[in-house]
Protein backbone atom coordinates (compact mmCIF):
# COMPACT_ATOMS: atom_id res chain seq x y z
CA UNK A 1 -1.35 37.57 -15.26
CA UNK A 2 -2.92 38.61 -18.58
CA UNK A 3 -0.63 38.32 -21.58
CA UNK A 4 -2.10 39.26 -24.97
CA UNK A 5 -0.22 38.14 -28.09
CA UNK A 6 -1.03 39.28 -31.61
CA UNK A 7 -1.04 36.99 -34.61
CA UNK A 8 2.59 36.33 -35.48
CA UNK A 9 2.21 37.81 -38.95
CA UNK A 10 1.22 41.15 -37.39
CA UNK A 11 3.29 41.10 -34.20
CA UNK A 12 6.37 43.26 -33.58
CA UNK A 13 6.37 44.93 -37.01
CA UNK A 14 9.22 47.31 -36.11
CA UNK A 15 11.39 44.30 -35.31
CA UNK A 16 10.99 42.76 -38.74
CA UNK A 17 14.39 42.00 -40.29
CA UNK A 18 16.27 42.41 -37.01
CA UNK A 19 17.86 38.97 -37.35
CA UNK A 20 19.20 38.13 -40.78
CA UNK A 21 17.94 34.81 -42.04
CA UNK A 22 15.48 34.31 -39.17
CA UNK A 23 11.77 34.26 -40.03
CA UNK A 24 10.06 37.15 -38.27
CA UNK A 25 7.28 34.94 -36.95
CA UNK A 26 9.82 32.67 -35.26
CA UNK A 27 11.40 35.60 -33.42
CA UNK A 28 8.03 37.03 -32.36
CA UNK A 29 6.96 33.65 -30.99
CA UNK A 30 10.24 33.22 -29.09
CA UNK A 31 9.75 36.57 -27.35
CA UNK A 32 6.30 35.50 -26.17
CA UNK A 33 7.53 32.06 -25.08
CA UNK A 34 10.35 33.45 -22.95
CA UNK A 35 8.07 36.08 -21.40
CA UNK A 36 5.52 33.41 -20.52
CA UNK A 37 8.12 31.04 -19.08
CA UNK A 38 9.60 33.76 -16.89
CA UNK A 39 6.16 34.84 -15.62
CA UNK A 40 5.26 31.26 -14.76
CA UNK A 41 8.51 31.01 -12.80
CA UNK A 42 7.51 33.92 -10.56
CA UNK A 43 6.28 32.89 -7.12
CA UNK A 44 3.84 35.83 -7.17
CA UNK A 45 1.93 34.60 -10.24
CA UNK A 46 -0.86 32.07 -9.86
CA UNK A 47 -1.74 31.79 -13.54
CA UNK A 48 -0.85 33.14 -16.96
CA UNK A 49 -3.85 33.90 -19.13
CA UNK A 50 -2.71 34.21 -22.74
CA UNK A 51 -5.16 36.03 -24.99
CA UNK A 52 -4.52 35.23 -28.64
CA UNK A 53 -6.29 34.19 -31.81
CA UNK A 54 -3.11 32.72 -33.31
CA UNK A 55 -3.26 28.91 -33.05
CA UNK A 56 0.54 28.56 -33.22
CA UNK A 57 0.97 30.95 -30.30
CA UNK A 58 -1.82 29.27 -28.40
CA UNK A 59 -0.29 25.81 -28.68
CA UNK A 60 3.20 27.04 -27.79
CA UNK A 61 2.12 28.96 -24.69
CA UNK A 62 -0.24 26.21 -23.54
CA UNK A 63 2.70 23.80 -23.72
CA UNK A 64 4.53 26.05 -21.26
CA UNK A 65 1.61 26.00 -18.83
CA UNK A 66 -0.42 29.08 -19.77
CA UNK A 67 -4.21 29.05 -20.02
CA UNK A 68 -5.08 30.21 -23.51
CA UNK A 69 -8.29 32.02 -24.43
CA UNK A 70 -9.20 33.24 -27.91
CA UNK A 71 -9.02 36.91 -28.76
CA UNK A 72 -11.52 38.66 -31.00
CA UNK A 73 -9.70 39.40 -34.29
CA UNK A 74 -9.03 43.10 -34.72
CA UNK A 75 -10.13 43.99 -31.18
CA UNK A 76 -6.86 45.67 -30.26
CA UNK A 77 -4.36 45.34 -27.43
CA UNK A 78 -6.27 47.18 -24.71
CA UNK A 79 -9.46 45.29 -25.49
CA UNK A 80 -7.53 42.03 -25.13
CA UNK A 81 -6.17 43.15 -21.75
CA UNK A 82 -9.67 44.14 -20.61
CA UNK A 83 -11.15 40.85 -21.76
CA UNK A 84 -8.52 38.78 -19.99
CA UNK A 85 -8.77 40.85 -16.81
CA UNK A 86 -12.53 40.37 -16.80
CA UNK A 87 -12.08 36.61 -16.63
CA UNK A 88 -10.13 36.85 -13.37
CA UNK A 89 -11.69 39.97 -11.83
CA UNK A 90 -12.33 38.11 -8.55
CA UNK A 91 -8.64 38.34 -7.66
CA UNK A 92 -5.76 40.80 -8.16
CA UNK A 93 -4.85 41.06 -11.82
CA UNK A 94 -1.75 42.14 -13.69
CA UNK A 95 -1.24 42.86 -17.37
CA UNK A 96 2.15 42.38 -18.97
CA UNK A 97 3.73 43.08 -22.33
CA UNK A 98 4.56 39.85 -24.17
CA UNK A 99 7.91 41.06 -25.50
CA UNK A 100 10.20 40.74 -22.48
CA UNK A 101 12.65 37.99 -23.53
CA UNK A 102 15.20 38.90 -20.84
CA UNK A 103 12.63 38.96 -18.04
CA UNK A 104 13.98 37.74 -14.72
CA UNK A 105 11.29 36.18 -12.49
CA UNK A 106 12.84 37.87 -9.45
CA UNK A 107 12.36 41.33 -11.00
CA UNK A 108 8.72 40.60 -11.75
CA UNK A 109 8.10 39.13 -8.31
CA UNK A 110 9.50 42.18 -6.55
CA UNK A 111 7.41 44.55 -8.67
CA UNK A 112 4.24 42.56 -8.00
CA UNK A 113 4.91 42.57 -4.26
CA UNK A 114 5.31 46.35 -4.32
CA UNK A 115 2.02 46.65 -6.20
CA UNK A 116 -0.07 45.50 -3.26
CA UNK A 117 -2.75 47.76 -1.80
CA UNK A 118 -5.90 49.47 -3.06
CA UNK A 119 -4.34 51.33 -6.02
CA UNK A 120 -3.66 50.41 -9.60
CA UNK A 121 0.08 50.45 -10.35
CA UNK A 122 2.27 50.45 -13.42
CA UNK A 123 5.90 49.95 -14.39
CA UNK A 124 7.27 52.10 -17.19
CA UNK A 125 9.58 50.71 -19.86
CA UNK A 126 13.29 51.53 -20.04
CA UNK A 127 12.81 54.84 -21.93
CA UNK A 128 10.11 55.83 -19.43
CA UNK A 129 7.36 56.57 -21.95
CA UNK A 130 5.75 53.17 -22.40
CA UNK A 131 4.31 50.62 -19.98
CA UNK A 132 5.38 47.02 -19.44
CA UNK A 133 3.27 46.10 -16.39
CA UNK A 134 -0.11 47.29 -15.09
CA UNK A 135 -1.78 45.93 -11.96
CA UNK A 136 -5.17 46.28 -10.27
CA UNK A 137 -6.49 44.86 -7.00
CA UNK A 138 -9.44 42.49 -6.95
CA UNK A 139 -12.67 44.19 -7.92
CA UNK A 140 -10.99 47.22 -9.49
CA UNK A 141 -11.13 47.72 -13.25
CA UNK A 142 -7.73 47.33 -14.91
CA UNK A 143 -8.39 50.24 -17.32
CA UNK A 144 -5.40 49.55 -19.62
CA UNK A 145 -4.06 52.37 -21.79
CA UNK A 146 -1.18 50.66 -23.55
CA UNK A 147 0.20 52.27 -26.68
CA UNK A 148 2.32 55.36 -27.46
CA UNK A 149 2.77 57.50 -24.36
CA UNK A 150 1.10 54.89 -22.16
CA UNK A 151 3.13 55.70 -19.03
CA UNK A 152 1.70 59.22 -18.96
CA UNK A 153 -1.74 57.89 -19.88
CA UNK A 154 -1.71 55.40 -17.03
CA UNK A 155 -0.55 58.07 -14.60
CA UNK A 156 -3.38 60.38 -15.71
CA UNK A 157 -5.84 57.54 -15.20
CA UNK A 158 -4.84 57.33 -11.53
CA UNK A 159 -2.39 54.43 -11.67
CA UNK A 160 0.62 54.84 -9.40
CA UNK A 161 4.11 54.36 -10.89
CA UNK A 162 6.30 51.73 -9.28
CA UNK A 163 9.93 52.64 -8.74
CA UNK A 164 12.49 49.87 -8.74
CA UNK A 165 15.68 48.76 -10.41
CA UNK A 166 14.17 46.06 -12.60
CA UNK A 167 16.13 46.20 -15.86
CA UNK A 168 14.83 42.92 -17.22
CA UNK A 169 11.21 43.90 -16.56
CA UNK A 170 11.60 47.31 -18.17
CA UNK A 171 13.38 45.94 -21.27
CA UNK A 172 10.61 45.36 -23.80
CA UNK A 173 11.71 44.68 -27.38
CA UNK A 174 10.25 46.74 -30.21
CA UNK A 175 13.33 47.43 -32.34
CA UNK A 176 16.65 45.85 -33.27
CA UNK A 177 18.37 48.16 -30.77
CA UNK A 178 16.01 46.93 -28.04
CA UNK A 179 16.86 43.35 -28.94
CA UNK A 180 20.57 44.11 -28.65
CA UNK A 181 19.95 45.57 -25.19
CA UNK A 182 17.99 42.47 -24.18
CA UNK A 183 20.80 40.24 -25.43
CA UNK A 184 23.21 42.09 -23.14
CA UNK A 185 20.90 41.40 -20.18
CA UNK A 186 20.62 37.72 -21.10
CA UNK A 187 17.83 36.21 -23.17
CA UNK A 188 15.56 33.38 -22.23
CA UNK A 189 16.26 30.07 -23.99
CA UNK A 190 13.81 30.41 -26.89
CA UNK A 191 14.99 33.86 -27.93
CA UNK A 192 18.62 32.96 -27.30
CA UNK A 193 18.35 30.03 -29.67
CA UNK A 194 16.80 32.20 -32.37
CA UNK A 195 19.34 35.00 -31.88
CA UNK A 196 22.25 32.60 -31.39
CA UNK A 197 23.08 34.40 -28.15
CA UNK A 198 23.88 33.27 -24.60
CA UNK A 199 20.83 32.22 -22.60
CA UNK A 200 20.00 32.63 -18.94
CA UNK A 201 18.41 30.21 -16.51
CA UNK A 202 14.69 31.03 -16.18
CA UNK A 203 14.64 30.13 -12.50
CA UNK A 204 17.83 31.97 -11.62
CA UNK A 205 17.69 34.72 -9.00
CA UNK A 206 20.35 36.75 -10.77
CA UNK A 207 19.20 35.77 -14.27
CA UNK A 208 22.73 36.21 -15.52
CA UNK A 209 23.63 34.60 -18.88
CA UNK A 210 24.65 30.95 -18.58
């Protein structure tokens, strides 16, 4: 699994100020930590490859068990996905947004199982316009097209949409309203601590708040 994370000072700019009194960088890091922890808890994931040039992010995600590789500053999100995918091109690869603090490992596992076969696949975000997950089989270029309108862009590129009721997988967090929706689903422990909200058990099948 390839998981790019921007420098904390530049990450999640639309979320800045969402939590009164909480440093923005702390919130952005918590989102990435909970996403990483949930991915590592999925039985379908052999490794998390975190692509980042932020040393704080690198240390935090390595402590969770991710393999961290440096990103080229200013290279952009899709370049980071491509770079990470190239390091593990000998096996099936998946690319995931790093802002899924309510992610339930069971949701991710089911989506990855459905993504088997010769095609590239993607999972759209909750509004249906963005992309949270993109997969490619071994030997097939990932060809990421993340950004505004990425769901349509991935479909045009030949990727097949995956249909499934995976609310925690589709709930990326870009705005304060998104964060509120994620809180209702149940945040992972890092984000819950920052938001002072109920947390869920990372390894739980239901991923209900604890």
